[in-house]
Amino acid sequence: LDVILFSTAISACRKADQWERALHLFSAMLHSEVKLDVVASNAAISACESGSQWEQALRVFHAMVWGSVKSNAITFSAAMSGCRDGVAWAKALQLCSLTVQVRVDMDSMVGSAAISACETATAWRMALQLFTPMARGMMELDNIYFSSTISACGNVDKWEKALGILHMMVQLKQEIDTTSGNAAISACEKGGEWE
């Protein structure tokens, strides 16, 4: 067996929502003479993420580190997305800070995953801390950044902050899509400012 075969099989399991089979194949790969690679590892992490198995996703992530496999933005984004669950959002932020240590660029996938973890956990202050340097031009922002940050603020009745971010979108000439607009409307509704 070779790395391409393992990677293809693990990816197929991910697409079929078969996270257990993906992990079984990943484990078989670890115990074989096939060299672990980033494609197979990312597919296994994504399979765990799809199955809401954040602990398993982190185990695969750590196996990559122990196996000296170079991670990339997809690795971190998938692992952080797997940690969006309310109990694991802090793990997502730890992974976010680890991107700096391992020199993985904080791109839109990684940043959005981190902010989405804050949104789920209603950690709106942390979402704003992540969002602020991004908004200052350190990187290109997409609508996922904006809508996730608006939602994080709206989830805890911080409708003024949510509207401030929506206003920033207008100033930056960022298209206000349905998701961002609905997030702002929801924030106002939760804050009792629907009139």
N, C-alpha and C. Protein backbone atom coordinates (compact mmCIF):
# COMPACT_ATOMS: atom_id res chain seq x y z
N LEU A 1 0.84 -1.19 0.00
CA LEU A 1 0.00 0.00 0.00
C LEU A 1 0.88 1.24 0.00
N ASP A 2 0.38 2.30 -0.62
CA ASP A 2 1.17 3.52 -0.63
C ASP A 2 0.36 4.70 -0.09
N VAL A 3 1.03 5.83 0.04
CA VAL A 3 0.43 7.00 0.64
C VAL A 3 -0.75 7.53 -0.17
N ILE A 4 -0.69 7.43 -1.48
CA ILE A 4 -1.79 7.92 -2.32
C ILE A 4 -3.05 7.09 -2.09
N LEU A 5 -2.88 5.79 -1.97
CA LEU A 5 -4.02 4.91 -1.72
C LEU A 5 -4.66 5.21 -0.37
N PHE A 6 -3.83 5.34 0.67
CA PHE A 6 -4.36 5.69 2.00
C PHE A 6 -5.07 7.04 1.97
N SER A 7 -4.43 8.03 1.37
CA SER A 7 -5.02 9.38 1.32
C SER A 7 -6.36 9.37 0.59
N THR A 8 -6.42 8.64 -0.52
CA THR A 8 -7.66 8.57 -1.29
C THR A 8 -8.76 7.87 -0.49
N ALA A 9 -8.42 6.79 0.18
CA ALA A 9 -9.41 6.05 0.96
C ALA A 9 -9.91 6.88 2.15
N ILE A 10 -9.00 7.56 2.83
CA ILE A 10 -9.41 8.40 3.97
C ILE A 10 -10.29 9.55 3.48
N SER A 11 -9.93 10.16 2.36
CA SER A 11 -10.76 11.24 1.79
C SER A 11 -12.15 10.73 1.41
N ALA A 12 -12.22 9.53 0.87
CA ALA A 12 -13.52 8.95 0.51
C ALA A 12 -14.38 8.72 1.75
N CYS A 13 -13.75 8.27 2.83
CA CYS A 13 -14.48 8.09 4.10
C CYS A 13 -14.99 9.44 4.61
N ARG A 14 -14.16 10.46 4.49
CA ARG A 14 -14.58 11.80 4.93
C ARG A 14 -15.80 12.26 4.16
N LYS A 15 -15.76 12.09 2.86
CA LYS A 15 -16.88 12.52 2.02
C LYS A 15 -18.15 11.72 2.30
N ALA A 16 -17.99 10.47 2.75
CA ALA A 16 -19.14 9.61 3.05
C ALA A 16 -19.56 9.72 4.53
N ASP A 17 -19.01 10.68 5.24
CA ASP A 17 -19.32 10.87 6.67
C ASP A 17 -19.04 9.62 7.50
N GLN A 18 -17.95 8.96 7.20
CA GLN A 18 -17.54 7.75 7.90
C GLN A 18 -16.26 8.03 8.69
N TRP A 19 -16.36 8.85 9.72
CA TRP A 19 -15.18 9.25 10.45
C TRP A 19 -14.48 8.07 11.13
N GLU A 20 -15.27 7.08 11.61
CA GLU A 20 -14.65 5.92 12.27
C GLU A 20 -13.76 5.15 11.29
N ARG A 21 -14.26 4.94 10.08
CA ARG A 21 -13.46 4.24 9.07
C ARG A 21 -12.23 5.05 8.67
N ALA A 22 -12.41 6.36 8.58
CA ALA A 22 -11.26 7.23 8.26
C ALA A 22 -10.18 7.09 9.33
N LEU A 23 -10.59 7.07 10.60
CA LEU A 23 -9.61 6.91 11.68
C LEU A 23 -8.97 5.53 11.66
N HIS A 24 -9.76 4.52 11.33
CA HIS A 24 -9.21 3.17 11.23
C HIS A 24 -8.11 3.12 10.15
N LEU A 25 -8.39 3.72 9.01
CA LEU A 25 -7.40 3.76 7.94
C LEU A 25 -6.18 4.59 8.35
N PHE A 26 -6.43 5.70 9.02
CA PHE A 26 -5.32 6.54 9.48
C PHE A 26 -4.44 5.77 10.45
N SER A 27 -5.07 5.04 11.37
CA SER A 27 -4.33 4.22 12.31
C SER A 27 -3.52 3.13 11.60
N ALA A 28 -4.14 2.50 10.60
CA ALA A 28 -3.43 1.49 9.82
C ALA A 28 -2.23 2.10 9.12
N MET A 29 -2.38 3.32 8.64
CA MET A 29 -1.29 4.01 7.98
C MET A 29 -0.14 4.27 8.97
N LEU A 30 -0.50 4.67 10.20
CA LEU A 30 0.52 4.92 11.22
C LEU A 30 1.33 3.66 11.55
N HIS A 31 0.66 2.52 11.52
CA HIS A 31 1.30 1.27 11.91
C HIS A 31 1.90 0.53 10.72
N SER A 32 1.84 1.13 9.55
CA SER A 32 2.43 0.50 8.36
C SER A 32 3.78 1.16 8.08
N GLU A 33 4.37 0.76 7.02
CA GLU A 33 5.65 1.36 6.63
C GLU A 33 5.45 2.55 5.69
N VAL A 34 4.19 2.91 5.47
CA VAL A 34 3.89 4.06 4.62
C VAL A 34 4.14 5.34 5.42
N LYS A 35 4.84 6.26 4.81
CA LYS A 35 5.15 7.53 5.48
C LYS A 35 3.91 8.41 5.56
N LEU A 36 3.61 8.87 6.74
CA LEU A 36 2.46 9.75 6.98
C LEU A 36 2.66 11.05 6.21
N ASP A 37 1.60 11.57 5.60
CA ASP A 37 1.70 12.85 4.88
C ASP A 37 0.56 13.78 5.26
N VAL A 38 0.68 15.02 4.82
CA VAL A 38 -0.27 16.06 5.19
C VAL A 38 -1.65 15.83 4.56
N VAL A 39 -1.70 15.26 3.36
CA VAL A 39 -2.99 15.05 2.69
C VAL A 39 -3.84 14.04 3.46
N ALA A 40 -3.26 12.91 3.81
CA ALA A 40 -3.99 11.89 4.57
C ALA A 40 -4.37 12.41 5.95
N SER A 41 -3.46 13.13 6.58
CA SER A 41 -3.72 13.66 7.92
C SER A 41 -4.85 14.69 7.88
N ASN A 42 -4.80 15.60 6.91
CA ASN A 42 -5.86 16.61 6.80
C ASN A 42 -7.21 15.96 6.52
N ALA A 43 -7.22 14.92 5.69
CA ALA A 43 -8.48 14.21 5.39
C ALA A 43 -9.03 13.57 6.65
N ALA A 44 -8.16 12.97 7.48
CA ALA A 44 -8.61 12.34 8.72
C ALA A 44 -9.13 13.39 9.70
N ILE A 45 -8.44 14.52 9.81
CA ILE A 45 -8.91 15.60 10.70
C ILE A 45 -10.26 16.11 10.21
N SER A 46 -10.40 16.31 8.91
CA SER A 46 -11.67 16.80 8.35
C SER A 46 -12.79 15.80 8.56
N ALA A 47 -12.49 14.50 8.48
CA ALA A 47 -13.50 13.48 8.74
C ALA A 47 -13.99 13.56 10.19
N CYS A 48 -13.06 13.77 11.10
CA CYS A 48 -13.42 13.91 12.52
C CYS A 48 -14.24 15.18 12.74
N GLU A 49 -13.84 16.25 12.07
CA GLU A 49 -14.59 17.50 12.17
C GLU A 49 -16.02 17.31 11.70
N SER A 50 -16.18 16.66 10.56
CA SER A 50 -17.53 16.42 10.01
C SER A 50 -18.38 15.57 10.95
N GLY A 51 -17.73 14.67 11.68
CA GLY A 51 -18.44 13.81 12.61
C GLY A 51 -18.55 14.39 14.01
N SER A 52 -18.20 15.68 14.17
CA SER A 52 -18.24 16.36 15.48
C SER A 52 -17.38 15.64 16.52
N GLN A 53 -16.24 15.14 16.10
CA GLN A 53 -15.33 14.40 16.97
C GLN A 53 -14.05 15.21 17.20
N TRP A 54 -14.17 16.31 17.94
CA TRP A 54 -13.05 17.20 18.11
C TRP A 54 -11.86 16.54 18.81
N GLU A 55 -12.13 15.66 19.79
CA GLU A 55 -11.03 15.00 20.48
C GLU A 55 -10.23 14.12 19.52
N GLN A 56 -10.94 13.41 18.65
CA GLN A 56 -10.27 12.58 17.66
C GLN A 56 -9.48 13.44 16.67
N ALA A 57 -10.07 14.57 16.27
CA ALA A 57 -9.37 15.48 15.36
C ALA A 57 -8.05 15.95 15.97
N LEU A 58 -8.07 16.25 17.27
CA LEU A 58 -6.84 16.69 17.93
C LEU A 58 -5.84 15.54 18.07
N ARG A 59 -6.33 14.31 18.23
CA ARG A 59 -5.41 13.17 18.27
C ARG A 59 -4.68 13.00 16.94
N VAL A 60 -5.42 13.16 15.86
CA VAL A 60 -4.78 13.08 14.53
C VAL A 60 -3.78 14.22 14.38
N PHE A 61 -4.18 15.41 14.81
CA PHE A 61 -3.28 16.57 14.74
C PHE A 61 -1.97 16.27 15.49
N HIS A 62 -2.09 15.73 16.70
CA HIS A 62 -0.90 15.41 17.49
C HIS A 62 -0.07 14.30 16.85
N ALA A 63 -0.73 13.34 16.21
CA ALA A 63 0.00 12.28 15.49
C ALA A 63 0.83 12.89 14.36
N MET A 64 0.30 13.93 13.74
CA MET A 64 1.06 14.63 12.70
C MET A 64 2.32 15.24 13.28
N VAL A 65 2.16 15.90 14.43
CA VAL A 65 3.29 16.55 15.07
C VAL A 65 4.34 15.50 15.45
N TRP A 66 3.89 14.41 16.07
CA TRP A 66 4.83 13.35 16.48
C TRP A 66 5.48 12.70 15.26
N GLY A 67 4.76 12.63 14.16
CA GLY A 67 5.29 12.04 12.95
C GLY A 67 6.07 13.01 12.09
N SER A 68 6.32 14.21 12.61
CA SER A 68 7.08 15.25 11.91
C SER A 68 6.49 15.60 10.54
N VAL A 69 5.17 15.58 10.46
CA VAL A 69 4.49 15.98 9.23
C VAL A 69 4.25 17.48 9.31
N LYS A 70 4.66 18.20 8.29
CA LYS A 70 4.48 19.65 8.27
C LYS A 70 3.01 19.98 8.06
N SER A 71 2.45 20.70 9.00
CA SER A 71 1.05 21.11 8.91
C SER A 71 0.92 22.34 8.02
N ASN A 72 -0.31 22.62 7.59
CA ASN A 72 -0.57 23.80 6.78
C ASN A 72 -1.87 24.46 7.24
N ALA A 73 -2.29 25.47 6.52
CA ALA A 73 -3.51 26.20 6.90
C ALA A 73 -4.73 25.29 6.92
N ILE A 74 -4.79 24.34 6.01
CA ILE A 74 -5.92 23.40 5.97
C ILE A 74 -5.94 22.56 7.25
N THR A 75 -4.78 22.12 7.69
CA THR A 75 -4.67 21.34 8.92
C THR A 75 -5.26 22.11 10.09
N PHE A 76 -4.80 23.34 10.27
CA PHE A 76 -5.25 24.14 11.40
C PHE A 76 -6.72 24.51 11.29
N SER A 77 -7.15 24.87 10.10
CA SER A 77 -8.55 25.24 9.91
C SER A 77 -9.48 24.07 10.24
N ALA A 78 -9.16 22.88 9.75
CA ALA A 78 -9.99 21.71 10.01
C ALA A 78 -9.99 21.35 11.49
N ALA A 79 -8.82 21.40 12.12
CA ALA A 79 -8.74 21.07 13.55
C ALA A 79 -9.52 22.09 14.39
N MET A 80 -9.38 23.37 14.06
CA MET A 80 -10.11 24.41 14.80
C MET A 80 -11.61 24.30 14.55
N SER A 81 -11.99 24.01 13.33
CA SER A 81 -13.42 23.85 13.03
C SER A 81 -14.00 22.67 13.80
N GLY A 82 -13.20 21.64 13.99
CA GLY A 82 -13.64 20.50 14.78
C GLY A 82 -13.84 20.87 16.24
N CYS A 83 -13.18 21.92 16.69
CA CYS A 83 -13.27 22.36 18.08
C CYS A 83 -14.32 23.45 18.30
N ARG A 84 -15.16 23.69 17.33
CA ARG A 84 -16.18 24.73 17.46
C ARG A 84 -17.17 24.44 18.57
N ASP A 85 -17.27 23.18 18.96
CA ASP A 85 -18.20 22.80 20.02
C ASP A 85 -17.94 23.67 21.25
N GLY A 86 -18.99 23.99 21.96
CA GLY A 86 -18.91 24.89 23.10
C GLY A 86 -17.85 24.53 24.13
N VAL A 87 -17.58 23.25 24.32
CA VAL A 87 -16.62 22.85 25.33
C VAL A 87 -15.18 22.91 24.85
N ALA A 88 -14.97 22.99 23.56
CA ALA A 88 -13.61 22.89 23.02
C ALA A 88 -13.12 24.18 22.36
N TRP A 89 -13.86 25.26 22.48
CA TRP A 89 -13.47 26.48 21.77
C TRP A 89 -12.10 26.98 22.21
N ALA A 90 -11.74 26.77 23.48
CA ALA A 90 -10.43 27.21 23.95
C ALA A 90 -9.32 26.44 23.25
N LYS A 91 -9.58 25.18 22.92
CA LYS A 91 -8.60 24.38 22.17
C LYS A 91 -8.38 24.99 20.79
N ALA A 92 -9.45 25.47 20.18
CA ALA A 92 -9.34 26.11 18.87
C ALA A 92 -8.44 27.34 18.96
N LEU A 93 -8.59 28.10 20.03
CA LEU A 93 -7.75 29.29 20.20
C LEU A 93 -6.30 28.92 20.48
N GLN A 94 -6.07 27.81 21.19
CA GLN A 94 -4.70 27.33 21.38
C GLN A 94 -4.07 26.97 20.04
N LEU A 95 -4.86 26.31 19.20
CA LEU A 95 -4.35 25.97 17.86
C LEU A 95 -4.06 27.24 17.06
N CYS A 96 -4.91 28.24 17.22
CA CYS A 96 -4.71 29.51 16.52
C CYS A 96 -3.37 30.14 16.92
N SER A 97 -3.08 30.14 18.20
CA SER A 97 -1.81 30.72 18.65
C SER A 97 -0.63 29.86 18.21
N LEU A 98 -0.84 28.56 18.05
CA LEU A 98 0.22 27.67 17.60
C LEU A 98 0.62 27.94 16.14
N THR A 99 -0.30 28.52 15.36
CA THR A 99 0.03 28.81 13.95
C THR A 99 1.23 29.74 13.85
N VAL A 100 1.37 30.64 14.81
CA VAL A 100 2.50 31.57 14.80
C VAL A 100 3.80 30.81 15.06
N GLN A 101 3.77 29.89 16.02
CA GLN A 101 4.98 29.13 16.38
C GLN A 101 5.47 28.24 15.24
N VAL A 102 4.54 27.64 14.52
CA VAL A 102 4.95 26.73 13.44
C VAL A 102 4.98 27.43 12.08
N ARG A 103 4.78 28.73 12.10
CA ARG A 103 4.87 29.57 10.90
C ARG A 103 3.88 29.19 9.81
N VAL A 104 2.65 28.97 10.23
CA VAL A 104 1.56 28.78 9.27
C VAL A 104 0.87 30.13 9.13
N ASP A 105 0.69 30.59 7.92
CA ASP A 105 0.05 31.88 7.70
C ASP A 105 -1.37 31.88 8.21
N MET A 106 -1.73 32.96 8.89
CA MET A 106 -3.09 33.15 9.37
C MET A 106 -3.90 33.63 8.18
N ASP A 107 -4.43 32.71 7.40
CA ASP A 107 -5.22 33.09 6.24
C ASP A 107 -6.69 33.12 6.61
N SER A 108 -7.54 33.35 5.61
CA SER A 108 -8.96 33.50 5.90
C SER A 108 -9.57 32.23 6.47
N MET A 109 -9.10 31.05 6.05
CA MET A 109 -9.64 29.80 6.60
C MET A 109 -9.32 29.67 8.08
N VAL A 110 -8.09 29.92 8.45
CA VAL A 110 -7.66 29.76 9.83
C VAL A 110 -8.33 30.81 10.72
N GLY A 111 -8.31 32.05 10.28
CA GLY A 111 -8.94 33.12 11.07
C GLY A 111 -10.43 32.92 11.23
N SER A 112 -11.09 32.52 10.17
CA SER A 112 -12.54 32.29 10.24
C SER A 112 -12.87 31.15 11.18
N ALA A 113 -12.05 30.10 11.16
CA ALA A 113 -12.28 28.97 12.06
C ALA A 113 -12.14 29.40 13.52
N ALA A 114 -11.15 30.23 13.80
CA ALA A 114 -10.95 30.70 15.17
C ALA A 114 -12.10 31.59 15.62
N ILE A 115 -12.52 32.50 14.78
CA ILE A 115 -13.64 33.39 15.14
C ILE A 115 -14.94 32.60 15.26
N SER A 116 -15.14 31.61 14.41
CA SER A 116 -16.33 30.77 14.50
C SER A 116 -16.37 30.00 15.81
N ALA A 117 -15.21 29.57 16.30
CA ALA A 117 -15.15 28.89 17.59
C ALA A 117 -15.60 29.84 18.70
N CYS A 118 -15.19 31.10 18.60
CA CYS A 118 -15.62 32.10 19.59
C CYS A 118 -17.12 32.36 19.48
N GLU A 119 -17.63 32.36 18.27
CA GLU A 119 -19.05 32.59 18.05
C GLU A 119 -19.87 31.51 18.73
N THR A 120 -19.47 30.27 18.57
CA THR A 120 -20.18 29.15 19.15
C THR A 120 -20.14 29.21 20.67
N ALA A 121 -19.04 29.62 21.22
CA ALA A 121 -18.86 29.65 22.66
C ALA A 121 -19.31 30.96 23.29
N THR A 122 -19.86 31.84 22.51
CA THR A 122 -20.25 33.18 22.95
C THR A 122 -19.09 33.93 23.61
N ALA A 123 -17.90 33.73 23.09
CA ALA A 123 -16.71 34.42 23.57
C ALA A 123 -16.50 35.65 22.69
N TRP A 124 -17.43 36.57 22.76
CA TRP A 124 -17.44 37.71 21.85
C TRP A 124 -16.21 38.60 22.01
N ARG A 125 -15.71 38.74 23.23
CA ARG A 125 -14.52 39.59 23.42
C ARG A 125 -13.32 39.00 22.67
N MET A 126 -13.18 37.69 22.76
CA MET A 126 -12.08 37.04 22.06
C MET A 126 -12.26 37.16 20.55
N ALA A 127 -13.50 37.02 20.08
CA ALA A 127 -13.77 37.18 18.64
C ALA A 127 -13.35 38.57 18.18
N LEU A 128 -13.66 39.60 18.98
CA LEU A 128 -13.26 40.96 18.62
C LEU A 128 -11.75 41.14 18.68
N GLN A 129 -11.09 40.48 19.64
CA GLN A 129 -9.62 40.57 19.72
C GLN A 129 -8.98 39.94 18.49
N LEU A 130 -9.54 38.84 18.01
CA LEU A 130 -9.02 38.22 16.80
C LEU A 130 -9.34 39.06 15.57
N PHE A 131 -10.52 39.63 15.56
CA PHE A 131 -11.00 40.37 14.40
C PHE A 131 -10.27 41.70 14.22
N THR A 132 -9.98 42.40 15.31
CA THR A 132 -9.43 43.75 15.22
C THR A 132 -8.14 43.85 14.42
N PRO A 133 -7.10 43.05 14.69
CA PRO A 133 -5.90 43.18 13.86
C PRO A 133 -6.15 42.81 12.41
N MET A 134 -7.07 41.88 12.20
CA MET A 134 -7.40 41.49 10.83
C MET A 134 -8.05 42.66 10.10
N ALA A 135 -8.91 43.36 10.80
CA ALA A 135 -9.62 44.49 10.20
C ALA A 135 -8.69 45.68 9.95
N ARG A 136 -7.59 45.74 10.65
CA ARG A 136 -6.63 46.84 10.46
C ARG A 136 -5.74 46.63 9.25
N GLY A 137 -6.07 45.66 8.44
CA GLY A 137 -5.34 45.48 7.20
C GLY A 137 -4.23 44.47 7.25
N MET A 138 -4.14 43.71 8.33
CA MET A 138 -3.08 42.72 8.41
C MET A 138 -3.34 41.55 7.45
N MET A 139 -4.58 41.40 7.03
CA MET A 139 -4.92 40.36 6.09
C MET A 139 -6.24 40.67 5.42
N GLU A 140 -6.48 40.02 4.32
CA GLU A 140 -7.72 40.23 3.59
C GLU A 140 -8.86 39.53 4.33
N LEU A 141 -9.91 40.26 4.54
CA LEU A 141 -11.07 39.71 5.25
C LEU A 141 -12.13 39.28 4.25
N ASP A 142 -12.82 38.21 4.61
CA ASP A 142 -13.96 37.80 3.80
C ASP A 142 -15.22 37.89 4.66
N ASN A 143 -16.35 37.62 4.05
CA ASN A 143 -17.62 37.77 4.75
C ASN A 143 -17.76 36.81 5.92
N ILE A 144 -17.06 35.70 5.88
CA ILE A 144 -17.14 34.76 7.01
C ILE A 144 -16.60 35.41 8.28
N TYR A 145 -15.49 36.17 8.15
CA TYR A 145 -14.96 36.89 9.31
C TYR A 145 -16.01 37.82 9.89
N PHE A 146 -16.58 38.63 9.02
CA PHE A 146 -17.54 39.62 9.47
C PHE A 146 -18.76 38.97 10.10
N SER A 147 -19.37 38.01 9.39
CA SER A 147 -20.61 37.42 9.90
C SER A 147 -20.37 36.63 11.18
N SER A 148 -19.25 35.95 11.30
CA SER A 148 -18.95 35.20 12.53
C SER A 148 -18.77 36.15 13.71
N THR A 149 -18.08 37.26 13.48
CA THR A 149 -17.86 38.23 14.55
C THR A 149 -19.17 38.92 14.93
N ILE A 150 -19.98 39.26 13.94
CA ILE A 150 -21.30 39.85 14.21
C ILE A 150 -22.13 38.88 15.04
N SER A 151 -22.13 37.60 14.66
CA SER A 151 -22.90 36.59 15.40
C SER A 151 -22.39 36.41 16.82
N ALA A 152 -21.05 36.41 16.99
CA ALA A 152 -20.48 36.26 18.33
C ALA A 152 -20.96 37.39 19.24
N CYS A 153 -20.99 38.60 18.70
CA CYS A 153 -21.48 39.74 19.49
C CYS A 153 -22.99 39.63 19.72
N GLY A 154 -23.72 39.25 18.70
CA GLY A 154 -25.16 39.14 18.81
C GLY A 154 -25.61 38.06 19.78
N ASN A 155 -24.83 37.01 19.92
CA ASN A 155 -25.20 35.92 20.81
C ASN A 155 -25.25 36.33 22.27
N VAL A 156 -24.59 37.43 22.61
CA VAL A 156 -24.58 37.89 24.00
C VAL A 156 -25.16 39.30 24.12
N ASP A 157 -26.10 39.63 23.23
CA ASP A 157 -26.81 40.92 23.27
C ASP A 157 -25.90 42.14 23.13
N LYS A 158 -24.82 42.00 22.41
CA LYS A 158 -23.93 43.13 22.12
C LYS A 158 -24.27 43.65 20.73
N TRP A 159 -25.51 44.07 20.56
CA TRP A 159 -26.00 44.48 19.25
C TRP A 159 -25.29 45.72 18.73
N GLU A 160 -24.85 46.61 19.65
CA GLU A 160 -24.15 47.81 19.20
C GLU A 160 -22.83 47.44 18.52
N LYS A 161 -22.12 46.50 19.10
CA LYS A 161 -20.84 46.05 18.51
C LYS A 161 -21.11 45.35 17.18
N ALA A 162 -22.18 44.56 17.13
CA ALA A 162 -22.53 43.86 15.89
C ALA A 162 -22.82 44.87 14.78
N LEU A 163 -23.57 45.92 15.11
CA LEU A 163 -23.87 46.95 14.11
C LEU A 163 -22.62 47.75 13.73
N GLY A 164 -21.70 47.91 14.69
CA GLY A 164 -20.44 48.58 14.39
C GLY A 164 -19.63 47.80 13.35
N ILE A 165 -19.66 46.49 13.45
CA ILE A 165 -18.95 45.65 12.48
C ILE A 165 -19.65 45.73 11.12
N LEU A 166 -20.97 45.74 11.15
CA LEU A 166 -21.72 45.88 9.90
C LEU A 166 -21.39 47.23 9.24
N HIS A 167 -21.30 48.27 10.05
CA HIS A 167 -20.92 49.60 9.54
C HIS A 167 -19.50 49.56 8.95
N MET A 168 -18.61 48.83 9.60
CA MET A 168 -17.25 48.69 9.09
C MET A 168 -17.26 48.03 7.71
N MET A 169 -18.15 47.06 7.54
CA MET A 169 -18.27 46.40 6.23
C MET A 169 -18.61 47.42 5.16
N VAL A 170 -19.53 48.32 5.48
CA VAL A 170 -19.93 49.37 4.54
C VAL A 170 -18.74 50.28 4.23
N GLN A 171 -18.02 50.69 5.28
CA GLN A 171 -16.86 51.56 5.09
C GLN A 171 -15.78 50.90 4.23
N LEU A 172 -15.59 49.60 4.41
CA LEU A 172 -14.56 48.88 3.66
C LEU A 172 -15.06 48.41 2.30
N LYS A 173 -16.29 48.80 1.99
CA LYS A 173 -16.92 48.42 0.71
C LYS A 173 -16.98 46.90 0.55
N GLN A 174 -17.21 46.24 1.69
CA GLN A 174 -17.38 44.79 1.71
C GLN A 174 -18.86 44.50 1.44
N GLU A 175 -19.12 43.60 0.54
CA GLU A 175 -20.51 43.26 0.22
C GLU A 175 -21.19 42.66 1.44
N ILE A 176 -22.34 43.20 1.78
CA ILE A 176 -23.12 42.65 2.88
C ILE A 176 -23.99 41.55 2.30
N ASP A 177 -23.60 40.31 2.59
CA ASP A 177 -24.36 39.18 2.06
C ASP A 177 -25.48 38.80 3.02
N THR A 178 -26.24 37.81 2.65
CA THR A 178 -27.39 37.38 3.45
C THR A 178 -26.96 36.95 4.84
N THR A 179 -25.86 36.24 4.93
CA THR A 179 -25.40 35.74 6.23
C THR A 179 -25.04 36.89 7.17
N SER A 180 -24.29 37.86 6.67
CA SER A 180 -23.91 39.01 7.50
C SER A 180 -25.13 39.83 7.89
N GLY A 181 -26.00 40.07 6.93
CA GLY A 181 -27.22 40.84 7.21
C GLY A 181 -28.10 40.14 8.23
N ASN A 182 -28.29 38.84 8.06
CA ASN A 182 -29.12 38.10 9.01
C ASN A 182 -28.49 38.06 10.40
N ALA A 183 -27.15 37.97 10.45
CA ALA A 183 -26.46 37.97 11.75
C ALA A 183 -26.70 39.30 12.47
N ALA A 184 -26.65 40.41 11.72
CA ALA A 184 -26.89 41.72 12.32
C ALA A 184 -28.35 41.87 12.76
N ILE A 185 -29.27 41.41 11.94
CA ILE A 185 -30.69 41.46 12.31
C ILE A 185 -30.95 40.63 13.56
N SER A 186 -30.35 39.45 13.62
CA SER A 186 -30.51 38.58 14.78
C SER A 186 -29.93 39.23 16.04
N ALA A 187 -28.78 39.91 15.89
CA ALA A 187 -28.17 40.60 17.03
C ALA A 187 -29.10 41.68 17.56
N CYS A 188 -29.71 42.43 16.66
CA CYS A 188 -30.63 43.49 17.07
C CYS A 188 -31.88 42.89 17.73
N GLU A 189 -32.37 41.80 17.16
CA GLU A 189 -33.55 41.15 17.73
C GLU A 189 -33.27 40.66 19.15
N LYS A 190 -32.12 40.02 19.34
CA LYS A 190 -31.76 39.51 20.68
C LYS A 190 -31.58 40.65 21.67
N GLY A 191 -31.13 41.79 21.18
CA GLY A 191 -30.94 42.95 22.04
C GLY A 191 -32.19 43.78 22.21
N GLY A 192 -33.29 43.34 21.63
CA GLY A 192 -34.55 44.07 21.76
C GLY A 192 -34.58 45.34 20.91
N GLU A 193 -33.71 45.44 19.92
CA GLU A 193 -33.61 46.63 19.07
C GLU A 193 -34.11 46.31 17.66
N TRP A 194 -35.27 45.78 17.55
CA TRP A 194 -35.78 45.34 16.26
C TRP A 194 -36.62 46.40 15.57
N GLU A 195 -36.93 47.49 16.23
CA GLU A 195 -37.77 48.52 15.62
C GLU A 195 -36.96 49.46 14.76
